[in-house]
Amino acid sequence: MSDTADGGPASEEPCRAREVLGMVGDKWSLLIVRHLSEGPRRFTELKRSVEGISQRMLTVTLRGLERDGILTRTVRNVMPPHVSYELTPMGRSLREATAPLLEWSTAHLARIGAARAAYDARPDAPPA
């Protein structure tokens, strides 16, 4: 078994890559990254712009993205405290890498909806 550049066994790489792909493929992470590509945002701005996300899920997702080095959290000591989030260079490169996927998703929403409706209408279709 060979070692990786960081000294760990090469067999650990696929497992670690799955962790990163899990974060990137998370339901909310890419939407948050997309909204942060427009510049720093406060929590309430993100909450309003990411449709359907709960306050708890936004908090959990932001913490995970900060932990992974995708964004930074800045607290300004004013009353009330001003907390903002901004993409790191790695977060901006993630945005560049995933922009085509988000564009594809938006462009095909209607077609996917129609395909789902046709599938669900089939008499042999399992329940969704």
Protein backbone atom coordinates (compact mmCIF):
# COMPACT_ATOMS: atom_id res chain seq x y z
CA MET A 1 0.00 0.00 0.00
CA SER A 2 1.39 3.41 -0.93
CA ASP A 3 1.26 6.55 1.16
CA THR A 4 -0.32 9.88 0.21
CA ALA A 5 1.46 13.25 0.22
CA ASP A 6 0.23 13.87 3.79
CA GLY A 7 1.71 10.58 4.97
CA GLY A 8 -1.55 8.66 5.33
CA PRO A 9 -2.35 5.42 3.55
CA ALA A 10 -3.70 5.81 0.02
CA SER A 11 -6.73 3.67 0.95
CA GLU A 12 -8.01 6.52 3.15
CA GLU A 13 -8.36 8.89 0.17
CA PRO A 14 -11.64 7.49 -1.24
CA CYS A 15 -13.26 7.62 2.20
CA ARG A 16 -12.12 11.19 2.78
CA ALA A 17 -13.20 12.16 -0.74
CA ARG A 18 -16.69 10.78 0.00
CA GLU A 19 -16.86 13.05 3.05
CA VAL A 20 -16.04 16.10 0.92
CA LEU A 21 -18.48 15.02 -1.79
CA GLY A 22 -21.13 14.58 0.88
CA MET A 23 -20.62 18.19 1.96
CA VAL A 24 -20.60 19.47 -1.61
CA GLY A 25 -23.65 17.41 -2.52
CA ASP A 26 -25.56 18.50 0.58
CA LYS A 27 -29.00 19.92 -0.09
CA TRP A 28 -28.11 23.39 1.19
CA SER A 29 -24.34 23.88 0.87
CA LEU A 30 -24.20 24.75 -2.82
CA LEU A 31 -27.10 27.16 -2.52
CA ILE A 32 -25.35 28.97 0.32
CA VAL A 33 -22.08 29.04 -1.64
CA ARG A 34 -23.97 30.47 -4.64
CA HIS A 35 -25.47 33.26 -2.53
CA LEU A 36 -22.12 34.06 -0.93
CA SER A 37 -20.51 34.39 -4.36
CA GLU A 38 -22.22 37.78 -4.55
CA GLY A 39 -20.20 38.95 -1.55
CA PRO A 40 -20.37 38.79 2.25
CA ARG A 41 -23.83 38.17 3.70
CA ARG A 42 -25.34 38.34 7.15
CA PHE A 43 -27.21 35.38 8.58
CA THR A 44 -30.61 36.99 8.08
CA GLU A 45 -29.80 37.82 4.44
CA LEU A 46 -28.90 34.19 3.80
CA LYS A 47 -32.02 32.98 5.60
CA ARG A 48 -34.20 35.15 3.35
CA SER A 49 -32.39 34.23 0.13
CA VAL A 50 -32.14 30.44 0.60
CA GLU A 51 -35.77 29.45 0.18
CA GLY A 52 -37.02 26.71 2.49
CA ILE A 53 -34.04 26.48 4.82
CA SER A 54 -34.75 26.51 8.55
CA GLN A 55 -32.75 28.65 10.95
CA ARG A 56 -31.28 25.53 12.56
CA MET A 57 -30.27 23.99 9.21
CA LEU A 58 -28.71 27.25 8.06
CA THR A 59 -26.70 27.38 11.31
CA VAL A 60 -25.56 23.76 10.97
CA THR A 61 -24.63 24.19 7.30
CA LEU A 62 -22.73 27.44 7.90
CA ARG A 63 -20.75 25.82 10.73
CA GLY A 64 -19.87 22.85 8.52
CA LEU A 65 -18.77 25.08 5.65
CA GLU A 66 -16.67 27.17 8.04
CA ARG A 67 -15.11 24.03 9.51
CA ASP A 68 -14.24 22.80 6.01
CA GLY A 69 -12.59 26.12 5.09
CA ILE A 70 -15.23 27.08 2.50
CA LEU A 71 -16.29 30.28 4.26
CA THR A 72 -15.22 32.57 7.06
CA ARG A 73 -17.39 33.96 9.82
CA THR A 74 -16.64 37.49 10.98
CA VAL A 75 -18.11 38.98 14.15
CA ARG A 76 -18.04 42.75 14.61
CA ASN A 77 -18.46 43.87 18.20
CA VAL A 78 -21.25 46.39 17.80
CA MET A 79 -24.73 46.44 19.34
CA PRO A 80 -26.30 44.22 18.23
CA PRO A 81 -23.35 42.05 17.13
CA HIS A 82 -22.85 42.00 13.37
CA VAL A 83 -21.98 38.54 12.04
CA SER A 84 -21.20 38.04 8.36
CA TYR A 85 -20.12 35.13 6.20
CA GLU A 86 -17.82 35.25 3.19
CA LEU A 87 -16.31 32.70 0.84
CA THR A 88 -12.65 31.84 1.24
CA PRO A 89 -10.47 31.35 -1.86
CA MET A 90 -11.28 27.64 -1.63
CA GLY A 91 -14.99 28.50 -1.40
CA ARG A 92 -14.73 30.67 -4.51
CA SER A 93 -13.05 27.80 -6.38
CA LEU A 94 -15.91 25.51 -5.24
CA ARG A 95 -18.39 28.04 -6.63
CA GLU A 96 -16.56 28.08 -9.97
CA ALA A 97 -16.49 24.28 -10.08
CA THR A 98 -20.19 23.87 -9.26
CA ALA A 99 -21.66 26.82 -11.18
CA PRO A 100 -22.39 24.67 -14.26
CA LEU A 101 -24.23 22.11 -12.11
CA LEU A 102 -26.42 24.79 -10.53
CA GLU A 103 -27.11 26.34 -13.94
CA TRP A 104 -28.01 22.93 -15.37
CA SER A 105 -30.35 22.29 -12.43
CA THR A 106 -32.15 25.58 -12.92
CA ALA A 107 -32.39 25.14 -16.69
CA HIS A 108 -33.97 21.69 -16.36
CA LEU A 109 -36.42 22.22 -13.50
CA ALA A 110 -39.49 22.15 -15.76
CA ARG A 111 -38.34 19.07 -17.67
CA ILE A 112 -37.55 17.19 -14.49
CA GLY A 113 -40.94 18.14 -13.06
CA ALA A 114 -42.66 16.89 -16.20
CA ALA A 115 -40.67 13.63 -16.15
CA ARG A 116 -41.58 13.06 -12.49
CA ALA A 117 -45.26 13.70 -13.17
CA ALA A 118 -45.24 11.28 -16.11
CA TYR A 119 -43.45 8.63 -14.05
CA ASP A 120 -45.80 9.06 -11.08
CA ALA A 121 -48.83 8.78 -13.39
CA ARG A 122 -47.77 5.35 -14.66
CA PRO A 123 -49.88 2.55 -13.22
CA ASP A 124 -46.76 0.48 -12.43
CA ALA A 125 -44.85 3.31 -10.71
CA PRO A 126 -43.89 2.66 -7.09
CA PRO A 127 -45.01 5.35 -4.59
CA ALA A 128 -42.69 8.35 -4.44
